[in-house]
């Protein structure tokens, strides 16, 4: 069986940049890439980004980047990305549910990568 390798790059200009880009130690980092349906209107894309920016009730989230790719060939069909940090791991599921519930009809695929930021030593 052959080994398949795929590379993806996502280049975007973030429309949200907080005062500090340093993630809080012990927080949960979350990178979300969304593949929107073909021929989606600009209004629908803006609605998706507004929902991604939203915080679930009670979620303590810092969004450090959200935007649309300017190099779609390298992004393998994914067009919207966000980078956020949450204080509690359980909050990541609520945010994913929020996106599915509000704009799920506009989205063909999602990649979510979560990681824990190490505690300061």
C-alpha atoms as a PDB file:
ATOM      1  CA  UNK A   1       0.000   0.000   0.000  1.00  0.00           C
ATOM      2  CA  UNK A   2       1.490   3.387  -0.971  1.00  0.00           C
ATOM      3  CA  UNK A   3       2.104   6.112   1.581  1.00  0.00           C
ATOM      4  CA  UNK A   4       0.076   9.244   0.860  1.00  0.00           C
ATOM      5  CA  UNK A   5       1.342  12.606   1.899  1.00  0.00           C
ATOM      6  CA  UNK A   6      -0.547  15.840   1.679  1.00  0.00           C
ATOM      7  CA  UNK A   7       0.528  19.332   2.582  1.00  0.00           C
ATOM      8  CA  UNK A   8      -1.716  22.253   3.373  1.00  0.00           C
ATOM      9  CA  UNK A   9      -0.922  25.903   3.992  1.00  0.00           C
ATOM     10  CA  UNK A  10      -3.410  28.525   5.077  1.00  0.00           C
ATOM     11  CA  UNK A  11      -2.467  32.171   4.548  1.00  0.00           C
ATOM     12  CA  UNK A  12      -4.770  34.872   5.833  1.00  0.00           C
ATOM     13  CA  UNK A  13      -4.838  38.333   7.303  1.00  0.00           C
ATOM     14  CA  UNK A  14      -6.514  38.242  10.700  1.00  0.00           C
ATOM     15  CA  UNK A  15      -9.298  40.733  11.238  1.00  0.00           C
ATOM     16  CA  UNK A  16      -9.084  40.349  15.033  1.00  0.00           C
ATOM     17  CA  UNK A  17      -5.837  40.872  16.897  1.00  0.00           C
ATOM     18  CA  UNK A  18      -5.954  41.294  20.684  1.00  0.00           C
ATOM     19  CA  UNK A  19      -3.493  43.408  22.662  1.00  0.00           C
ATOM     20  CA  UNK A  20      -1.348  40.345  23.399  1.00  0.00           C
ATOM     21  CA  UNK A  21      -0.751  37.307  21.206  1.00  0.00           C
ATOM     22  CA  UNK A  22       0.763  35.304  24.067  1.00  0.00           C
ATOM     23  CA  UNK A  23      -1.595  32.458  25.014  1.00  0.00           C
ATOM     24  CA  UNK A  24      -2.359  31.996  28.719  1.00  0.00           C
ATOM     25  CA  UNK A  25      -0.342  29.087  30.228  1.00  0.00           C
ATOM     26  CA  UNK A  26      -2.488  25.969  30.651  1.00  0.00           C
ATOM     27  CA  UNK A  27      -5.116  27.188  28.193  1.00  0.00           C
ATOM     28  CA  UNK A  28      -6.444  25.129  25.295  1.00  0.00           C
ATOM     29  CA  UNK A  29      -5.419  26.309  21.820  1.00  0.00           C
ATOM     30  CA  UNK A  30      -7.878  25.646  19.026  1.00  0.00           C
ATOM     31  CA  UNK A  31      -7.227  26.037  15.307  1.00  0.00           C
ATOM     32  CA  UNK A  32     -10.361  25.713  13.176  1.00  0.00           C
ATOM     33  CA  UNK A  33     -10.371  25.473   9.374  1.00  0.00           C
ATOM     34  CA  UNK A  34     -13.681  25.568   7.513  1.00  0.00           C
ATOM     35  CA  UNK A  35     -14.420  24.450   3.960  1.00  0.00           C
ATOM     36  CA  UNK A  36     -17.474  26.382   2.784  1.00  0.00           C
ATOM     37  CA  UNK A  37     -19.848  25.195   0.078  1.00  0.00           C
ATOM     38  CA  UNK A  38     -19.120  26.294  -3.473  1.00  0.00           C
ATOM     39  CA  UNK A  39     -20.640  29.534  -4.809  1.00  0.00           C
ATOM     40  CA  UNK A  40     -21.448  30.783  -1.318  1.00  0.00           C
ATOM     41  CA  UNK A  41     -22.277  34.486  -1.155  1.00  0.00           C
ATOM     42  CA  UNK A  42     -20.020  36.983   0.612  1.00  0.00           C
ATOM     43  CA  UNK A  43     -22.875  37.651   3.058  1.00  0.00           C
ATOM     44  CA  UNK A  44     -22.980  33.957   4.014  1.00  0.00           C
ATOM     45  CA  UNK A  45     -19.183  33.912   4.511  1.00  0.00           C
ATOM     46  CA  UNK A  46     -19.466  36.972   6.778  1.00  0.00           C
ATOM     47  CA  UNK A  47     -22.216  35.216   8.738  1.00  0.00           C
ATOM     48  CA  UNK A  48     -19.917  32.204   9.228  1.00  0.00           C
ATOM     49  CA  UNK A  49     -17.115  34.439  10.505  1.00  0.00           C
ATOM     50  CA  UNK A  50     -19.516  36.214  12.872  1.00  0.00           C
ATOM     51  CA  UNK A  51     -20.586  32.854  14.333  1.00  0.00           C
ATOM     52  CA  UNK A  52     -16.964  31.697  14.710  1.00  0.00           C
ATOM     53  CA  UNK A  53     -16.247  34.958  16.597  1.00  0.00           C
ATOM     54  CA  UNK A  54     -19.181  34.364  18.940  1.00  0.00           C
ATOM     55  CA  UNK A  55     -18.526  32.964  22.368  1.00  0.00           C
ATOM     56  CA  UNK A  56     -20.772  30.262  23.755  1.00  0.00           C
ATOM     57  CA  UNK A  57     -22.588  31.192  26.926  1.00  0.00           C
ATOM     58  CA  UNK A  58     -20.093  31.016  29.779  1.00  0.00           C
ATOM     59  CA  UNK A  59     -17.080  30.201  27.551  1.00  0.00           C
ATOM     60  CA  UNK A  60     -13.910  32.111  28.369  1.00  0.00           C
ATOM     61  CA  UNK A  61     -12.398  32.503  24.890  1.00  0.00           C
ATOM     62  CA  UNK A  62      -9.704  34.720  23.404  1.00  0.00           C
ATOM     63  CA  UNK A  63      -9.852  34.777  19.582  1.00  0.00           C
ATOM     64  CA  UNK A  64      -6.466  35.801  18.207  1.00  0.00           C
ATOM     65  CA  UNK A  65      -7.147  35.414  14.519  1.00  0.00           C
ATOM     66  CA  UNK A  66     -10.021  34.943  12.113  1.00  0.00           C
ATOM     67  CA  UNK A  67      -9.991  35.434   8.381  1.00  0.00           C
ATOM     68  CA  UNK A  68     -10.371  34.202   4.839  1.00  0.00           C
ATOM     69  CA  UNK A  69      -7.458  32.692   2.901  1.00  0.00           C
ATOM     70  CA  UNK A  70      -5.714  34.693   0.201  1.00  0.00           C
ATOM     71  CA  UNK A  71      -4.008  31.594  -1.278  1.00  0.00           C
ATOM     72  CA  UNK A  72      -6.851  29.116  -1.918  1.00  0.00           C
ATOM     73  CA  UNK A  73      -4.698  26.682  -3.927  1.00  0.00           C
ATOM     74  CA  UNK A  74      -2.503  25.941  -0.897  1.00  0.00           C
ATOM     75  CA  UNK A  75      -5.492  25.654   1.465  1.00  0.00           C
ATOM     76  CA  UNK A  76      -6.879  22.505  -0.231  1.00  0.00           C
ATOM     77  CA  UNK A  77     -10.422  23.890  -0.398  1.00  0.00           C
ATOM     78  CA  UNK A  78     -10.537  25.339   3.126  1.00  0.00           C
ATOM     79  CA  UNK A  79     -11.271  29.044   3.065  1.00  0.00           C
ATOM     80  CA  UNK A  80     -11.909  30.324   6.624  1.00  0.00           C
ATOM     81  CA  UNK A  81      -9.604  29.905   9.624  1.00  0.00           C
ATOM     82  CA  UNK A  82      -9.649  30.898  13.262  1.00  0.00           C
ATOM     83  CA  UNK A  83      -7.203  30.596  16.138  1.00  0.00           C
ATOM     84  CA  UNK A  84      -8.598  30.810  19.665  1.00  0.00           C
ATOM     85  CA  UNK A  85      -7.550  30.016  23.221  1.00  0.00           C
ATOM     86  CA  UNK A  86      -9.976  28.755  25.849  1.00  0.00           C
ATOM     87  CA  UNK A  87      -9.465  28.393  29.577  1.00  0.00           C
ATOM     88  CA  UNK A  88     -11.201  24.985  29.828  1.00  0.00           C
ATOM     89  CA  UNK A  89     -10.980  21.979  27.477  1.00  0.00           C
ATOM     90  CA  UNK A  90     -14.727  21.232  27.712  1.00  0.00           C
ATOM     91  CA  UNK A  91     -15.589  24.585  26.159  1.00  0.00           C
ATOM     92  CA  UNK A  92     -14.276  23.488  22.760  1.00  0.00           C
ATOM     93  CA  UNK A  93     -17.228  21.154  22.163  1.00  0.00           C
ATOM     94  CA  UNK A  94     -19.789  23.888  22.859  1.00  0.00           C
ATOM     95  CA  UNK A  95     -18.142  26.195  20.322  1.00  0.00           C
ATOM     96  CA  UNK A  96     -18.156  23.470  17.637  1.00  0.00           C
ATOM     97  CA  UNK A  97     -21.855  22.838  18.325  1.00  0.00           C
ATOM     98  CA  UNK A  98     -22.556  26.573  17.968  1.00  0.00           C
ATOM     99  CA  UNK A  99     -20.998  26.632  14.482  1.00  0.00           C
ATOM    100  CA  UNK A 100     -22.873  23.471  13.390  1.00  0.00           C
ATOM    101  CA  UNK A 101     -26.178  24.789  14.708  1.00  0.00           C
ATOM    102  CA  UNK A 102     -26.018  28.285  13.219  1.00  0.00           C
ATOM    103  CA  UNK A 103     -24.135  27.896   9.894  1.00  0.00           C
ATOM    104  CA  UNK A 104     -23.792  24.149   9.371  1.00  0.00           C
ATOM    105  CA  UNK A 105     -25.705  24.355   6.083  1.00  0.00           C
ATOM    106  CA  UNK A 106     -22.953  26.568   4.617  1.00  0.00           C
ATOM    107  CA  UNK A 107     -20.043  24.306   5.578  1.00  0.00           C
ATOM    108  CA  UNK A 108     -18.796  21.237   3.666  1.00  0.00           C
ATOM    109  CA  UNK A 109     -15.910  20.303   5.943  1.00  0.00           C
ATOM    110  CA  UNK A 110     -14.118  21.213   9.143  1.00  0.00           C
ATOM    111  CA  UNK A 111     -10.675  20.521  10.569  1.00  0.00           C
ATOM    112  CA  UNK A 112     -10.164  21.301  14.250  1.00  0.00           C
ATOM    113  CA  UNK A 113      -6.798  20.956  15.971  1.00  0.00           C
ATOM    114  CA  UNK A 114      -6.709  21.407  19.739  1.00  0.00           C
ATOM    115  CA  UNK A 115      -3.664  21.501  21.995  1.00  0.00           C
ATOM    116  CA  UNK A 116      -2.828  22.449  25.552  1.00  0.00           C
ATOM    117  CA  UNK A 117      -0.457  25.380  26.084  1.00  0.00           C
ATOM    118  CA  UNK A 118       2.236  24.260  28.554  1.00  0.00           C
ATOM    119  CA  UNK A 119       2.254  25.763  32.036  1.00  0.00           C
ATOM    120  CA  UNK A 120       5.073  28.229  32.688  1.00  0.00           C
ATOM    121  CA  UNK A 121       8.036  26.708  34.461  1.00  0.00           C
END
